[in-house]
Protein backbone atom coordinates (compact mmCIF):
# COMPACT_ATOMS: atom_id res chain seq x y z
CA UNK A 1 0.00 0.00 0.00
CA UNK A 2 2.80 2.31 0.89
CA UNK A 3 4.55 1.57 -2.43
CA UNK A 4 1.41 2.51 -4.39
CA UNK A 5 1.33 5.92 -2.70
CA UNK A 6 5.04 6.34 -3.35
CA UNK A 7 4.63 5.34 -7.04
CA UNK A 8 1.71 7.76 -7.46
CA UNK A 9 3.81 10.53 -5.91
CA UNK A 10 6.71 9.76 -8.28
CA UNK A 11 4.41 9.80 -11.29
CA UNK A 12 2.92 13.13 -10.19
CA UNK A 13 6.40 14.57 -9.62
CA UNK A 14 7.46 13.47 -13.10
CA UNK A 15 4.35 15.03 -14.65
CA UNK A 16 4.88 18.31 -12.78
CA UNK A 17 8.52 18.29 -13.86
CA UNK A 18 7.52 17.75 -17.49
CA UNK A 19 5.06 20.63 -17.30
CA UNK A 20 7.80 22.87 -15.96
CA UNK A 21 10.22 21.83 -18.71
CA UNK A 22 7.58 21.78 -21.49
CA UNK A 23 4.91 24.30 -20.47
CA UNK A 24 1.47 24.16 -22.04
CA UNK A 25 1.31 26.18 -25.23
CA UNK A 26 4.89 25.51 -26.28
CA UNK A 27 4.10 22.79 -28.77
CA UNK A 28 4.08 23.01 -32.54
CA UNK A 29 0.46 24.16 -32.68
CA UNK A 30 1.03 26.97 -30.21
CA UNK A 31 4.12 28.18 -32.08
CA UNK A 32 2.22 28.02 -35.35
CA UNK A 33 -0.58 30.18 -33.90
CA UNK A 34 1.91 32.81 -32.77
CA UNK A 35 3.44 33.23 -36.21
CA UNK A 36 2.18 36.12 -38.25
CA UNK A 37 0.07 35.69 -41.36
CA UNK A 38 2.77 37.37 -43.40
CA UNK A 39 5.45 34.85 -42.40
CA UNK A 40 3.11 31.93 -43.14
CA UNK A 41 2.42 33.40 -46.58
CA UNK A 42 6.11 33.87 -47.30
CA UNK A 43 6.90 30.32 -46.12
CA UNK A 44 4.08 28.85 -48.20
CA UNK A 45 5.31 30.59 -51.34
CA UNK A 46 8.92 29.59 -50.80
CA UNK A 47 8.02 26.02 -51.67
CA UNK A 48 6.05 26.97 -54.75
CA UNK A 49 7.53 26.71 -58.20
CA UNK A 50 9.13 29.69 -59.89
CA UNK A 51 6.87 29.05 -62.90
CA UNK A 52 3.10 29.34 -63.17
CA UNK A 53 1.10 28.48 -66.28
CA UNK A 54 -2.59 28.57 -67.09
CA UNK A 55 -5.43 30.74 -68.33
CA UNK A 56 -5.14 34.43 -67.52
CA UNK A 57 -8.00 36.16 -65.73
CA UNK A 58 -7.36 39.90 -65.72
CA UNK A 59 -7.92 41.48 -62.30
CA UNK A 60 -6.69 45.00 -63.09
CA UNK A 61 -4.24 46.85 -65.31
CA UNK A 62 -1.12 45.30 -63.82
CA UNK A 63 -2.42 42.05 -62.39
CA UNK A 64 -3.85 38.72 -63.46
CA UNK A 65 -4.92 35.49 -61.81
CA UNK A 66 -3.25 32.37 -63.21
CA UNK A 67 -4.04 28.90 -61.87
CA UNK A 68 -5.60 30.43 -58.77
CA UNK A 69 -2.52 32.54 -58.00
CA UNK A 70 -2.56 36.35 -58.02
CA UNK A 71 0.24 37.66 -60.25
CA UNK A 72 1.62 41.20 -60.61
CA UNK A 73 3.61 42.25 -63.66
CA UNK A 74 7.26 42.87 -62.78
CA UNK A 75 8.92 46.13 -63.80
CA UNK A 76 5.82 48.23 -64.46
CA UNK A 77 2.97 50.10 -62.85
CA UNK A 78 -0.48 50.64 -64.39
CA UNK A 79 -3.22 53.11 -63.45
CA UNK A 80 -5.08 52.44 -60.20
CA UNK A 81 -8.72 51.26 -60.18
CA UNK A 82 -10.04 54.77 -59.43
CA UNK A 83 -7.50 56.71 -61.49
CA UNK A 84 -8.78 59.19 -64.04
CA UNK A 85 -7.14 60.93 -66.99
CA UNK A 86 -8.12 63.84 -69.21
CA UNK A 87 -8.57 63.20 -72.92
CA UNK A 88 -7.26 65.67 -75.52
CA UNK A 89 -10.91 66.62 -76.19
CA UNK A 90 -11.27 67.80 -72.59
CA UNK A 91 -13.33 65.05 -70.97
CA UNK A 92 -12.20 63.02 -67.98
CA UNK A 93 -12.46 59.23 -68.09
CA UNK A 94 -11.69 56.13 -66.03
CA UNK A 95 -8.17 55.44 -67.20
CA UNK A 96 -7.78 52.16 -65.35
CA UNK A 97 -10.89 50.70 -66.99
CA UNK A 98 -9.43 51.37 -70.44
CA UNK A 99 -6.17 49.69 -69.50
CA UNK A 100 -7.98 46.70 -68.01
CA UNK A 101 -10.17 46.36 -71.14
CA UNK A 102 -7.11 46.47 -73.40
CA UNK A 103 -5.42 43.78 -71.31
CA UNK A 104 -8.54 41.59 -71.39
CA UNK A 105 -8.62 41.86 -75.20
CA UNK A 106 -4.94 41.00 -75.40
CA UNK A 107 -4.68 38.01 -73.01
CA UNK A 108 -7.99 37.44 -71.19
CA UNK A 109 -8.76 33.71 -71.06
CA UNK A 110 -5.61 32.82 -73.01
CA UNK A 111 -2.86 30.55 -71.72
CA UNK A 112 0.05 32.46 -70.21
CA UNK A 113 3.33 31.57 -68.54
CA UNK A 114 4.72 33.43 -65.55
CA UNK A 115 8.41 33.43 -64.64
CA UNK A 116 8.10 34.27 -60.94
CA UNK A 117 10.83 36.58 -59.65
CA UNK A 118 9.54 37.06 -56.09
CA UNK A 119 6.44 37.37 -53.93
CA UNK A 120 5.20 40.71 -52.62
CA UNK A 121 4.09 41.46 -49.06
CA UNK A 122 0.53 40.44 -49.96
CA UNK A 123 1.58 36.97 -51.14
CA UNK A 124 1.16 37.76 -54.84
CA UNK A 125 3.65 36.40 -57.33
CA UNK A 126 5.63 39.09 -59.15
CA UNK A 127 7.09 38.08 -62.50
CA UNK A 128 7.29 38.29 -66.25
CA UNK A 129 4.07 37.18 -67.94
CA UNK A 130 4.30 35.83 -71.49
CA UNK A 131 1.55 34.89 -73.92
CA UNK A 132 2.47 33.10 -77.15
CA UNK A 133 6.12 33.81 -76.36
CA UNK A 134 5.63 37.60 -76.10
CA UNK A 135 6.24 39.65 -72.95
CA UNK A 136 2.85 41.06 -71.90
CA UNK A 137 4.46 43.66 -69.61
CA UNK A 138 6.49 45.03 -72.49
CA UNK A 139 3.31 45.18 -74.59
CA UNK A 140 1.56 47.18 -71.84
CA UNK A 141 4.38 49.73 -71.64
CA UNK A 142 4.87 49.88 -75.43
CA UNK A 143 1.20 50.75 -75.96
CA UNK A 144 1.20 53.40 -73.22
CA UNK A 145 -1.01 51.40 -70.85
CA UNK A 146 1.63 51.30 -68.08
CA UNK A 147 4.83 53.00 -67.02
CA UNK A 148 8.23 51.41 -66.52
CA UNK A 149 8.72 51.28 -62.75
CA UNK A 150 10.77 49.63 -60.02
CA UNK A 151 13.62 48.66 -62.37
CA UNK A 152 15.04 49.57 -65.79
CA UNK A 153 13.79 46.67 -67.91
CA UNK A 154 11.14 48.69 -69.81
CA UNK A 155 12.68 52.21 -69.70
CA UNK A 156 13.59 52.20 -73.41
CA UNK A 157 10.17 50.89 -74.38
CA UNK A 158 8.50 53.64 -72.32
CA UNK A 159 10.69 56.27 -74.00
CA UNK A 160 9.48 55.05 -77.41
CA UNK A 161 5.82 55.12 -76.28
CA UNK A 162 6.22 58.68 -74.97
CA UNK A 163 7.78 59.89 -78.22
CA UNK A 164 5.06 58.21 -80.30
CA UNK A 165 2.35 59.55 -77.90
CA UNK A 166 0.72 56.16 -77.48
CA UNK A 167 -1.87 55.43 -74.81
CA UNK A 168 -1.47 57.54 -71.70
CA UNK A 169 1.18 59.68 -73.36
CA UNK A 170 -1.46 61.08 -75.71
CA UNK A 171 -3.70 62.32 -72.89
CA UNK A 172 -3.94 66.01 -72.00
CA UNK A 173 -3.58 65.14 -68.29
CA UNK A 174 -2.05 61.92 -67.09
CA UNK A 175 -0.84 61.13 -63.56
CA UNK A 176 1.85 58.65 -62.61
CA UNK A 177 0.11 55.71 -60.85
CA UNK A 178 2.57 55.89 -57.94
CA UNK A 179 1.71 59.55 -57.39
CA UNK A 180 -2.02 58.84 -57.72
CA UNK A 181 -1.76 56.12 -55.07
CA UNK A 182 -0.17 58.54 -52.62
CA UNK A 183 -2.31 61.58 -53.42
CA UNK A 184 -4.04 61.50 -50.02
CA UNK A 185 -0.70 61.63 -48.27
CA UNK A 186 0.39 64.49 -50.56
CA UNK A 187 -2.73 66.52 -49.71
CA UNK A 188 -2.02 66.49 -45.98
């Protein structure tokens, strides 16, 4: 009888010792809960391929969805969803809608390939999108639907579009998408 009490005491002491060494909430699940959403997203994308292929569904002027993955065009910036421009005839129009419509006509529903360069802070793939072997980003900049931004890959193409007054370069008033995005901050 005395041994049973001693054995129970030993077992309890071992359990208490284990709880002190491995406190509740220190397991894999608890650590996983503490991690931020951003780090989970980055980790998830690390294991993804650097190539995506599938039908393109245009989301906006500089983004598409391919095989369920949001993709941003690398090296360019297109007008924001609410961005407006002034036509040579004097009327204002929804610039981003024109760019989106042009992109839908060019690649909407067609098979594209994406060479992923990185993932942005929102978990979207950023890369070069090609359709029938042609760089869609270059096409956007060449036709004045987007500006060369964030690196120099399309600077020469943008220069040609400006000189030829194609797309946004033919408008009476056109605002850089980066400036448009930060206009609220500029007003204050």
